[in-house]
Protein backbone atom coordinates (compact mmCIF):
# COMPACT_ATOMS: atom_id res chain seq x y z
CA SER A 1 16.95 57.41 -37.55
CA ASP A 2 13.53 55.74 -37.49
CA LEU A 3 14.41 53.40 -34.62
CA ASP A 4 12.42 53.85 -31.41
CA LEU A 5 14.62 53.05 -28.42
CA THR A 6 12.05 53.62 -25.70
CA VAL A 7 11.31 50.81 -23.28
CA ALA A 8 7.72 49.93 -22.52
CA PRO A 9 6.86 50.40 -18.87
CA GLN A 10 6.67 47.25 -16.71
CA GLY A 11 4.46 46.42 -13.75
CA PRO A 12 1.63 48.68 -12.58
CA ALA A 13 2.72 51.50 -14.89
CA ALA A 14 1.99 49.26 -17.89
CA ALA A 15 -1.62 48.89 -16.84
CA ASP A 16 -1.99 52.62 -16.63
CA THR A 17 -0.69 53.38 -20.15
CA THR A 18 -2.38 50.62 -22.14
CA GLY A 19 -5.49 50.06 -20.07
CA GLU A 20 -4.64 46.34 -19.76
CA GLU A 21 -3.06 44.48 -16.95
CA ALA A 22 0.54 43.33 -17.48
CA PRO A 23 0.99 39.55 -17.77
CA ARG A 24 1.83 37.93 -14.48
CA PRO A 25 4.81 35.62 -14.15
CA LEU A 26 3.94 31.93 -14.19
CA ALA A 27 3.54 30.44 -10.76
CA LYS A 28 5.72 27.50 -9.89
CA VAL A 29 3.52 24.41 -10.06
CA GLU A 30 4.17 21.86 -7.36
CA PRO A 31 3.05 18.32 -8.08
CA THR A 32 0.14 17.50 -5.87
CA ILE A 33 -0.24 14.13 -4.30
CA THR A 34 -3.87 13.33 -4.17
CA GLU A 35 -5.42 10.74 -1.93
CA GLU A 36 -5.80 8.50 -4.98
CA THR A 37 -2.10 8.60 -5.93
CA SER A 38 -0.93 8.16 -2.35
CA THR A 39 -3.22 5.14 -2.02
CA GLU A 40 -1.83 3.72 -5.28
CA PHE A 41 1.77 4.16 -4.07
CA ARG A 42 0.88 2.51 -0.77
CA ASN A 43 -0.79 -0.40 -2.56
CA GLN A 44 2.21 -0.87 -4.84
CA ARG A 45 4.56 -0.94 -1.86
CA ILE A 46 2.37 -3.52 -0.15
CA CYS A 47 2.32 -5.66 -3.29
CA ALA A 48 6.09 -5.34 -3.68
CA ALA A 49 6.56 -6.40 -0.05
CA CYS A 50 4.60 -9.56 -0.84
CA GLY A 51 7.68 -10.87 -2.67
CA LEU A 52 9.66 -10.69 0.55
CA VAL A 53 6.79 -12.25 2.52
CA PHE A 54 6.75 -15.13 0.02
CA ALA A 55 10.49 -15.74 0.33
CA ILE A 56 10.36 -15.67 4.14
CA LEU A 57 7.37 -18.02 4.35
CA LEU A 58 8.97 -20.37 1.82
CA MET A 59 12.14 -20.64 3.91
CA ILE A 60 10.20 -20.97 7.16
CA GLY A 61 7.97 -23.64 5.62
CA PHE A 62 10.85 -25.70 4.27
CA SER A 63 12.67 -25.35 7.60
CA ILE A 64 9.66 -26.47 9.64
CA ALA A 65 9.12 -29.39 7.25
CA ARG A 66 12.79 -30.31 7.63
CA PHE A 67 13.20 -30.21 3.86
CA ILE A 68 16.50 -28.34 3.92
CA PRO A 69 17.88 -30.45 2.32
CA PRO A 70 14.98 -32.37 0.74
CA PRO A 71 14.99 -36.16 0.65
CA PRO A 72 17.83 -37.30 -1.62
CA PRO A 73 16.77 -38.74 -4.99
CA LEU A 74 18.74 -41.94 -4.40
CA ALA A 75 17.03 -42.67 -1.06
CA SER A 76 15.21 -45.99 -0.91
CA ALA A 77 11.45 -46.21 -0.59
CA ALA A 78 11.84 -47.27 3.04
CA GLU A 79 14.05 -44.23 3.83
CA VAL A 80 11.62 -41.80 2.21
CA ALA A 81 8.65 -43.39 3.97
CA ALA A 82 10.47 -43.27 7.31
CA ARG A 83 11.18 -39.58 6.85
CA PHE A 84 7.50 -38.83 6.18
CA ARG A 85 6.31 -41.03 9.04
CA GLU A 86 8.70 -39.55 11.59
CA ASN A 87 8.09 -35.94 10.57
CA ALA A 88 4.45 -36.02 9.45
CA ILE A 89 3.25 -33.14 11.63
CA SER A 90 6.21 -30.88 10.87
CA ILE A 91 5.92 -31.65 7.14
CA ARG A 92 2.21 -30.81 7.14
CA THR A 93 2.77 -27.62 9.14
CA GLY A 94 5.73 -26.55 7.03
CA PHE A 95 4.01 -27.01 3.71
CA VAL A 96 0.88 -25.20 4.87
CA CYS A 97 3.24 -22.29 5.53
CA THR A 98 4.79 -22.74 2.07
CA MET A 99 1.35 -22.75 0.41
CA LEU A 100 0.45 -19.61 2.33
CA GLY A 101 3.66 -18.01 1.06
CA ALA A 102 2.89 -19.00 -2.54
CA ALA A 103 -0.35 -17.04 -2.26
CA PHE A 104 1.74 -13.84 -2.06
CA ILE A 105 3.42 -14.37 -5.45
CA PRO A 106 0.55 -12.93 -7.57
CA ALA A 107 0.54 -9.63 -5.65
CA TRP A 108 4.31 -9.32 -6.12
CA CYS A 109 3.90 -10.00 -9.86
CA VAL A 110 1.27 -7.27 -10.08
CA ALA A 111 3.71 -4.83 -8.44
CA LEU A 112 6.37 -5.77 -11.01
CA TYR A 113 3.81 -5.40 -13.80
CA THR A 114 2.84 -1.93 -12.59
CA GLN A 115 6.46 -0.78 -12.41
CA LEU A 116 7.34 -2.24 -15.83
CA ARG A 117 4.35 -0.40 -17.34
CA HIS A 118 6.02 2.88 -16.31
CA ILE A 119 8.78 2.21 -18.84
CA LYS A 120 7.39 4.24 -21.72
CA SER A 121 9.37 2.58 -24.51
CA GLN A 122 7.73 -0.77 -23.79
CA GLY A 123 4.21 -1.77 -24.62
CA ALA A 124 2.06 -4.04 -22.55
CA ALA A 125 3.39 -7.36 -23.91
CA LEU A 126 6.52 -7.78 -21.77
CA PRO A 127 4.96 -6.64 -18.49
CA MET A 128 1.99 -8.91 -19.18
CA ALA A 129 4.28 -11.86 -20.04
CA GLN A 130 6.12 -11.31 -16.76
CA MET A 131 2.88 -11.23 -14.81
CA CYS A 132 1.43 -14.36 -16.44
CA ALA A 133 4.66 -16.33 -15.95
CA GLY A 134 4.76 -15.18 -12.34
CA MET A 135 1.20 -16.33 -11.75
CA LEU A 136 2.13 -19.76 -13.10
CA ASN A 137 5.16 -19.77 -10.79
CA ALA A 138 2.75 -19.52 -7.87
CA LEU A 139 1.27 -22.85 -8.95
CA LEU A 140 4.73 -24.38 -9.13
CA PHE A 141 5.22 -23.62 -5.46
CA MET A 142 1.67 -24.53 -4.47
CA LEU A 143 1.37 -27.93 -6.22
CA PRO A 144 4.49 -29.63 -4.80
CA ALA A 145 3.57 -28.38 -1.33
CA MET A 146 0.13 -29.97 -1.78
CA PHE A 147 1.67 -33.25 -2.91
CA TRP A 148 4.04 -33.28 0.07
CA GLU A 149 0.99 -32.56 2.28
CA ILE A 150 -0.81 -35.52 0.74
CA THR A 151 2.27 -37.69 1.20
CA ALA A 152 2.49 -36.82 4.90
CA TYR A 153 -1.26 -37.07 5.50
CA ARG A 154 -1.44 -40.85 5.86
CA ALA A 155 2.21 -41.76 5.70
CA ASP A 156 1.82 -44.41 8.41
CA THR A 157 -0.82 -46.39 6.47
CA ARG A 158 0.60 -46.05 2.96
CA SER A 159 3.09 -48.44 1.36
CA PHE A 160 6.71 -47.36 1.10
CA GLU A 161 6.51 -47.32 -2.70
CA ALA A 162 3.37 -45.16 -2.75
CA THR A 163 5.02 -42.68 -0.36
CA GLN A 164 8.14 -42.59 -2.52
CA THR A 165 6.06 -42.09 -5.69
CA LEU A 166 4.13 -39.16 -4.20
CA ASN A 167 7.39 -37.62 -3.00
CA ASP A 168 8.91 -38.07 -6.47
CA ILE A 169 5.91 -36.37 -8.11
CA ALA A 170 6.20 -33.39 -5.73
CA THR A 171 9.96 -33.14 -6.20
CA ILE A 172 9.75 -33.25 -10.00
CA ILE A 173 6.97 -30.63 -10.08
CA PHE A 174 9.08 -28.43 -7.78
CA ILE A 175 12.38 -28.74 -9.65
CA CYS A 176 11.71 -29.35 -13.34
CA PRO A 177 9.32 -26.65 -14.61
CA PHE A 178 11.76 -23.77 -14.29
CA SER A 179 10.69 -22.38 -17.67
CA PHE A 180 8.12 -20.02 -16.15
CA GLY A 181 10.80 -18.49 -13.94
CA LEU A 182 13.04 -18.05 -16.99
CA THR A 183 10.19 -16.49 -18.95
CA GLN A 184 9.47 -14.08 -16.12
CA GLY A 185 13.13 -13.15 -15.77
CA PHE A 186 13.62 -12.62 -19.51
CA ALA A 187 10.46 -10.50 -19.74
CA ILE A 188 11.71 -8.27 -16.92
CA ALA A 189 15.18 -8.01 -18.46
CA LEU A 190 13.89 -7.18 -21.94
CA ALA A 191 11.47 -4.59 -20.57
CA ILE A 192 14.29 -2.86 -18.70
CA LEU A 193 16.67 -2.87 -21.68
């Protein structure tokens, strides 16, 4: 038959018969972690931890301000004013802590954005929507804290009604605009799906 059943030599013998070196097996490639990628991972972990820092500072701030629970909506102007007059220093201290905590929200949103961008099936729209809504959420924690600060600043010289009005403004800003939180949550959920 015309079939050649000889096996070509392997290894060093192959180089001798053909004059060429035999192909070498592929080396196993280990992923290398460069200084740049390790720094990026570290930065992402720091940004992600900012969400926890925010939550802790928020709870500490509200506790120091004695706003757990907040003033009831049916409280009279005199009751609200008395609360701010009696606790002015703790309210100011607590809401400075809350404003400090709100400053950590943007970094947390950037960490979420970065992780959502790793989902290949999604474009940039949902991660960006999450990040923008999260940035606006930072304002929704910062503004009421500022108004409560203003309310406590000169609570002893202000009329009861003015104190109650400032408290109402802060409370409504804190409670009502939940739409940014919903937008952020839906953007995260849709990006994951």
